[in-house]
């Protein structure tokens, strides 16, 4: 699938607060916890629980969310297909970062071991 500039703009303007409840529901339906979800997000972004809640409360966009993040140096090890897109082939850095997060949440929901999710 080809990623268009319109797609990238749409991704940038989605609020993290609008997506987070879906992430939480997805992982909890599969028997994982909010704490595990927060651990995965913290690994990718460097955000602790308080900072994450502040960003949710402020309804920041993904653009702002990832501008504030300190992306994990191992994030480039997140590969595969998510939502029909091969992560390692995504050229727009922000869209790639959003898909990194989507992929980590997906792996958590699928029951993957935490050390594998965190690329330990």
N, C-alpha and C. Protein backbone atom coordinates (compact mmCIF):
# COMPACT_ATOMS: atom_id res chain seq x y z
N UNK A 1 0.83 -1.17 0.00
CA UNK A 1 0.00 0.00 0.00
C UNK A 1 0.89 1.25 0.00
N UNK A 2 0.47 2.23 -0.73
CA UNK A 2 1.22 3.48 -0.77
C UNK A 2 0.64 4.46 0.24
N UNK A 3 1.52 5.13 0.95
CA UNK A 3 1.10 6.12 1.93
C UNK A 3 1.13 7.48 1.26
N UNK A 4 0.00 8.17 1.27
CA UNK A 4 -0.12 9.47 0.61
C UNK A 4 0.18 10.60 1.59
N UNK A 5 0.46 11.79 1.08
CA UNK A 5 0.63 12.94 1.97
C UNK A 5 -0.61 13.21 2.82
N UNK A 6 -1.78 12.94 2.25
CA UNK A 6 -3.03 13.14 2.99
C UNK A 6 -3.11 12.17 4.18
N UNK A 7 -2.67 10.94 3.94
CA UNK A 7 -2.64 9.94 5.01
C UNK A 7 -1.71 10.40 6.13
N UNK A 8 -0.52 10.88 5.77
CA UNK A 8 0.44 11.36 6.76
C UNK A 8 -0.14 12.52 7.56
N UNK A 9 -0.81 13.45 6.89
CA UNK A 9 -1.42 14.60 7.56
C UNK A 9 -2.52 14.15 8.52
N UNK A 10 -3.30 13.18 8.09
CA UNK A 10 -4.37 12.65 8.93
C UNK A 10 -3.78 12.02 10.20
N UNK A 11 -2.71 11.24 10.03
CA UNK A 11 -2.05 10.59 11.17
C UNK A 11 -1.53 11.64 12.16
N UNK A 12 -0.94 12.70 11.64
CA UNK A 12 -0.36 13.74 12.48
C UNK A 12 -1.41 14.44 13.33
N UNK A 13 -2.63 14.54 12.82
CA UNK A 13 -3.67 15.31 13.49
C UNK A 13 -4.61 14.50 14.36
N UNK A 14 -4.45 13.19 14.39
CA UNK A 14 -5.25 12.36 15.30
C UNK A 14 -4.77 12.63 16.72
N UNK A 15 -5.71 12.76 17.65
CA UNK A 15 -5.29 12.97 19.04
C UNK A 15 -4.99 11.62 19.68
N UNK A 16 -3.92 11.61 20.47
CA UNK A 16 -3.55 10.39 21.18
C UNK A 16 -4.69 9.97 22.11
N UNK A 17 -5.35 10.94 22.73
CA UNK A 17 -6.44 10.65 23.66
C UNK A 17 -7.59 9.91 22.98
N UNK A 18 -7.79 10.11 21.70
CA UNK A 18 -8.88 9.43 20.99
C UNK A 18 -8.53 7.98 20.67
N UNK A 19 -7.25 7.66 20.62
CA UNK A 19 -6.81 6.31 20.26
C UNK A 19 -6.50 5.47 21.50
N UNK A 20 -6.01 6.10 22.55
CA UNK A 20 -5.59 5.36 23.74
C UNK A 20 -6.67 4.43 24.30
N UNK A 21 -7.94 4.86 24.41
CA UNK A 21 -8.96 3.94 24.92
C UNK A 21 -9.11 2.68 24.05
N UNK A 22 -8.89 2.82 22.76
CA UNK A 22 -8.97 1.65 21.86
C UNK A 22 -7.79 0.71 22.11
N UNK A 23 -6.62 1.28 22.33
CA UNK A 23 -5.46 0.46 22.68
C UNK A 23 -5.75 -0.32 23.97
N UNK A 24 -6.26 0.38 24.96
CA UNK A 24 -6.53 -0.23 26.26
C UNK A 24 -7.57 -1.35 26.14
N UNK A 25 -8.65 -1.07 25.44
CA UNK A 25 -9.69 -2.09 25.24
C UNK A 25 -9.13 -3.31 24.53
N UNK A 26 -8.32 -3.08 23.51
CA UNK A 26 -7.74 -4.18 22.73
C UNK A 26 -6.90 -5.09 23.60
N UNK A 27 -6.03 -4.52 24.43
CA UNK A 27 -5.15 -5.36 25.23
C UNK A 27 -5.89 -6.02 26.39
N UNK A 28 -6.84 -5.30 26.99
CA UNK A 28 -7.59 -5.88 28.11
C UNK A 28 -8.49 -7.02 27.67
N UNK A 29 -9.06 -6.93 26.45
CA UNK A 29 -9.88 -8.02 25.92
C UNK A 29 -9.07 -9.31 25.79
N UNK A 30 -7.78 -9.16 25.61
CA UNK A 30 -6.90 -10.31 25.43
C UNK A 30 -6.17 -10.71 26.71
N UNK A 31 -6.63 -10.14 27.85
CA UNK A 31 -6.08 -10.54 29.14
C UNK A 31 -4.82 -9.81 29.57
N UNK A 32 -4.45 -8.76 28.87
CA UNK A 32 -3.30 -7.96 29.28
C UNK A 32 -3.80 -6.79 30.11
N UNK A 33 -2.88 -6.06 30.73
CA UNK A 33 -3.28 -5.02 31.68
C UNK A 33 -2.92 -3.61 31.20
N UNK A 34 -3.55 -2.64 31.85
CA UNK A 34 -3.24 -1.23 31.59
C UNK A 34 -1.77 -0.97 31.91
N UNK A 35 -1.27 -1.58 32.97
CA UNK A 35 0.13 -1.40 33.36
C UNK A 35 1.07 -1.91 32.28
N UNK A 36 0.72 -3.04 31.66
CA UNK A 36 1.55 -3.57 30.58
C UNK A 36 1.52 -2.63 29.37
N UNK A 37 0.34 -2.09 29.07
CA UNK A 37 0.23 -1.13 27.97
C UNK A 37 1.09 0.08 28.26
N UNK A 38 1.03 0.59 29.47
CA UNK A 38 1.83 1.75 29.83
C UNK A 38 3.33 1.44 29.78
N UNK A 39 3.70 0.22 30.14
CA UNK A 39 5.10 -0.19 30.06
C UNK A 39 5.59 -0.15 28.62
N UNK A 40 4.77 -0.64 27.70
CA UNK A 40 5.12 -0.65 26.28
C UNK A 40 5.24 0.78 25.74
N UNK A 41 4.28 1.62 26.11
CA UNK A 41 4.32 3.02 25.66
C UNK A 41 5.54 3.72 26.24
N UNK A 42 5.84 3.47 27.51
CA UNK A 42 7.00 4.09 28.15
C UNK A 42 8.30 3.63 27.47
N UNK A 43 8.37 2.36 27.11
CA UNK A 43 9.57 1.85 26.43
C UNK A 43 9.79 2.59 25.11
N UNK A 44 8.72 2.79 24.34
CA UNK A 44 8.85 3.44 23.04
C UNK A 44 9.11 4.94 23.17
N UNK A 45 8.43 5.60 24.10
CA UNK A 45 8.42 7.07 24.13
C UNK A 45 9.20 7.71 25.26
N UNK A 46 9.44 6.96 26.32
CA UNK A 46 10.08 7.54 27.50
C UNK A 46 9.10 8.21 28.45
N UNK A 47 7.81 8.18 28.17
CA UNK A 47 6.81 8.83 29.02
C UNK A 47 6.47 7.96 30.22
N UNK A 48 6.54 8.56 31.42
CA UNK A 48 6.07 7.84 32.60
C UNK A 48 4.55 7.97 32.67
N UNK A 49 3.96 7.31 33.65
CA UNK A 49 2.49 7.28 33.75
C UNK A 49 1.90 8.69 33.89
N UNK A 50 2.54 9.54 34.70
CA UNK A 50 2.02 10.90 34.90
C UNK A 50 2.10 11.73 33.63
N UNK A 51 3.22 11.65 32.93
CA UNK A 51 3.38 12.42 31.68
C UNK A 51 2.38 11.93 30.63
N UNK A 52 2.21 10.63 30.56
CA UNK A 52 1.26 10.06 29.61
C UNK A 52 -0.15 10.56 29.89
N UNK A 53 -0.54 10.58 31.17
CA UNK A 53 -1.88 11.06 31.53
C UNK A 53 -2.04 12.53 31.19
N UNK A 54 -0.99 13.32 31.41
CA UNK A 54 -1.05 14.74 31.06
C UNK A 54 -1.28 14.92 29.56
N UNK A 55 -0.57 14.16 28.75
CA UNK A 55 -0.74 14.25 27.30
C UNK A 55 -2.14 13.83 26.87
N UNK A 56 -2.70 12.84 27.54
CA UNK A 56 -4.07 12.41 27.26
C UNK A 56 -5.03 13.54 27.64
N UNK A 57 -4.85 14.10 28.83
CA UNK A 57 -5.73 15.18 29.31
C UNK A 57 -5.66 16.41 28.41
N UNK A 58 -4.47 16.68 27.87
CA UNK A 58 -4.29 17.85 26.99
C UNK A 58 -4.77 17.58 25.56
N UNK A 59 -5.15 16.33 25.29
CA UNK A 59 -5.64 15.93 23.96
C UNK A 59 -4.66 16.34 22.85
N UNK A 60 -3.39 15.98 23.06
CA UNK A 60 -2.37 16.32 22.07
C UNK A 60 -2.51 15.43 20.83
N UNK A 61 -2.08 15.97 19.72
CA UNK A 61 -2.06 15.20 18.47
C UNK A 61 -0.88 14.23 18.49
N UNK A 62 -0.92 13.26 17.60
CA UNK A 62 0.23 12.36 17.47
C UNK A 62 1.49 13.14 17.11
N UNK A 63 1.33 14.20 16.33
CA UNK A 63 2.49 15.02 15.98
C UNK A 63 3.15 15.57 17.24
N UNK A 64 2.35 16.17 18.10
CA UNK A 64 2.87 16.73 19.36
C UNK A 64 3.38 15.61 20.27
N UNK A 65 2.63 14.52 20.34
CA UNK A 65 2.97 13.37 21.19
C UNK A 65 4.39 12.88 20.88
N UNK A 66 4.67 12.67 19.59
CA UNK A 66 5.98 12.13 19.22
C UNK A 66 7.06 13.21 19.20
N UNK A 67 6.69 14.49 19.10
CA UNK A 67 7.69 15.56 19.24
C UNK A 67 8.21 15.60 20.68
N UNK A 68 7.33 15.29 21.63
CA UNK A 68 7.70 15.28 23.04
C UNK A 68 8.45 14.01 23.44
N UNK A 69 8.27 12.95 22.69
CA UNK A 69 8.83 11.65 23.05
C UNK A 69 10.34 11.59 22.83
N UNK A 70 10.97 10.75 23.64
CA UNK A 70 12.37 10.37 23.40
C UNK A 70 12.31 8.94 22.91
N UNK A 71 12.27 8.80 21.60
CA UNK A 71 12.08 7.48 20.99
C UNK A 71 13.20 6.52 21.39
N UNK A 72 12.81 5.33 21.77
CA UNK A 72 13.77 4.31 22.17
C UNK A 72 14.74 4.02 21.02
N UNK A 73 16.04 3.94 21.31
CA UNK A 73 17.02 3.67 20.24
C UNK A 73 16.80 2.33 19.54
N UNK A 74 16.08 1.42 20.18
CA UNK A 74 15.80 0.11 19.57
C UNK A 74 14.51 0.11 18.77
N UNK A 75 13.84 1.25 18.65
CA UNK A 75 12.56 1.30 17.93
C UNK A 75 12.68 0.81 16.50
N UNK A 76 13.84 1.03 15.88
CA UNK A 76 14.03 0.58 14.50
C UNK A 76 13.94 -0.94 14.35
N UNK A 77 14.00 -1.65 15.46
CA UNK A 77 13.88 -3.11 15.43
C UNK A 77 12.42 -3.57 15.31
N UNK A 78 11.49 -2.63 15.41
CA UNK A 78 10.07 -2.95 15.25
C UNK A 78 9.79 -3.04 13.75
N UNK A 79 9.51 -4.25 13.30
CA UNK A 79 9.29 -4.48 11.88
C UNK A 79 8.02 -5.30 11.69
N UNK A 80 7.64 -5.45 10.45
CA UNK A 80 6.47 -6.24 10.13
C UNK A 80 5.38 -5.39 9.50
N UNK A 81 4.21 -5.99 9.39
CA UNK A 81 3.08 -5.32 8.75
C UNK A 81 2.04 -4.97 9.80
N UNK A 82 1.55 -3.74 9.73
CA UNK A 82 0.46 -3.30 10.60
C UNK A 82 -0.47 -2.44 9.75
N UNK A 83 -1.74 -2.72 9.81
CA UNK A 83 -2.75 -1.98 9.05
C UNK A 83 -2.43 -1.97 7.56
N UNK A 84 -1.83 -3.04 7.07
CA UNK A 84 -1.53 -3.16 5.65
C UNK A 84 -0.25 -2.49 5.20
N UNK A 85 0.51 -1.92 6.13
CA UNK A 85 1.74 -1.21 5.79
C UNK A 85 2.94 -1.92 6.40
N UNK A 86 4.00 -2.10 5.64
CA UNK A 86 5.25 -2.65 6.15
C UNK A 86 5.98 -1.51 6.86
N UNK A 87 6.13 -1.64 8.16
CA UNK A 87 6.64 -0.56 9.01
C UNK A 87 7.99 -0.04 8.54
N UNK A 88 8.90 -0.96 8.25
CA UNK A 88 10.26 -0.54 7.91
C UNK A 88 10.35 0.18 6.56
N UNK A 89 9.28 0.16 5.78
CA UNK A 89 9.27 0.84 4.48
C UNK A 89 8.56 2.20 4.51
N UNK A 90 7.99 2.56 5.66
CA UNK A 90 7.29 3.84 5.77
C UNK A 90 8.33 4.96 5.79
N UNK A 91 8.19 5.90 4.87
CA UNK A 91 9.19 6.96 4.73
C UNK A 91 8.95 8.14 5.66
N UNK A 92 7.71 8.46 5.96
CA UNK A 92 7.42 9.60 6.84
C UNK A 92 7.71 9.19 8.29
N UNK A 93 8.64 9.89 8.95
CA UNK A 93 9.02 9.49 10.31
C UNK A 93 7.87 9.45 11.30
N UNK A 94 6.97 10.43 11.25
CA UNK A 94 5.86 10.45 12.20
C UNK A 94 4.91 9.28 11.96
N UNK A 95 4.56 9.04 10.72
CA UNK A 95 3.68 7.92 10.41
C UNK A 95 4.33 6.61 10.85
N UNK A 96 5.63 6.48 10.65
CA UNK A 96 6.35 5.28 11.07
C UNK A 96 6.29 5.13 12.60
N UNK A 97 6.45 6.23 13.33
CA UNK A 97 6.40 6.17 14.78
C UNK A 97 5.02 5.77 15.29
N UNK A 98 3.98 6.28 14.66
CA UNK A 98 2.62 5.89 15.04
C UNK A 98 2.44 4.39 14.79
N UNK A 99 2.93 3.92 13.68
CA UNK A 99 2.82 2.48 13.36
C UNK A 99 3.68 1.62 14.28
N UNK A 100 4.82 2.16 14.76
CA UNK A 100 5.59 1.45 15.78
C UNK A 100 4.70 1.20 16.99
N UNK A 101 4.01 2.24 17.44
CA UNK A 101 3.14 2.11 18.60
C UNK A 101 2.00 1.13 18.33
N UNK A 102 1.39 1.23 17.16
CA UNK A 102 0.32 0.29 16.80
C UNK A 102 0.82 -1.15 16.85
N UNK A 103 2.02 -1.37 16.33
CA UNK A 103 2.59 -2.72 16.28
C UNK A 103 2.87 -3.26 17.68
N UNK A 104 3.40 -2.41 18.56
CA UNK A 104 3.67 -2.84 19.93
C UNK A 104 2.38 -3.22 20.65
N UNK A 105 1.34 -2.41 20.46
CA UNK A 105 0.04 -2.70 21.08
C UNK A 105 -0.51 -4.01 20.53
N UNK A 106 -0.37 -4.22 19.24
CA UNK A 106 -0.83 -5.44 18.60
C UNK A 106 -0.09 -6.66 19.17
N UNK A 107 1.21 -6.55 19.32
CA UNK A 107 2.00 -7.66 19.86
C UNK A 107 1.59 -7.95 21.30
N UNK A 108 1.33 -6.91 22.09
CA UNK A 108 0.88 -7.10 23.46
C UNK A 108 -0.45 -7.83 23.49
N UNK A 109 -1.37 -7.40 22.64
CA UNK A 109 -2.70 -8.02 22.59
C UNK A 109 -2.62 -9.47 22.11
N UNK A 110 -1.66 -9.78 21.28
CA UNK A 110 -1.52 -11.14 20.77
C UNK A 110 -0.82 -12.08 21.75
N UNK A 111 -0.45 -11.55 22.92
CA UNK A 111 0.14 -12.40 23.95
C UNK A 111 1.64 -12.60 23.84
N UNK A 112 2.28 -11.81 23.04
CA UNK A 112 3.74 -11.94 22.90
C UNK A 112 4.40 -11.62 24.25
N UNK A 113 5.49 -12.29 24.54
CA UNK A 113 6.20 -12.06 25.80
C UNK A 113 6.77 -10.65 25.83
N UNK A 114 6.70 -10.04 27.02
CA UNK A 114 7.12 -8.65 27.18
C UNK A 114 8.57 -8.42 26.73
N UNK A 115 9.47 -9.33 27.04
CA UNK A 115 10.87 -9.13 26.66
C UNK A 115 11.04 -9.11 25.14
N UNK A 116 10.19 -9.81 24.42
CA UNK A 116 10.24 -9.78 22.96
C UNK A 116 9.63 -8.46 22.44
N UNK A 117 8.54 -8.02 23.05
CA UNK A 117 7.91 -6.76 22.65
C UNK A 117 8.90 -5.60 22.84
N UNK A 118 9.62 -5.63 23.95
CA UNK A 118 10.56 -4.56 24.29
C UNK A 118 11.93 -4.75 23.64
N UNK A 119 12.01 -5.68 22.73
CA UNK A 119 13.23 -5.92 21.95
C UNK A 119 14.44 -6.07 22.85
N UNK A 120 14.26 -6.85 23.94
CA UNK A 120 15.35 -7.06 24.91
C UNK A 120 16.38 -8.05 24.38
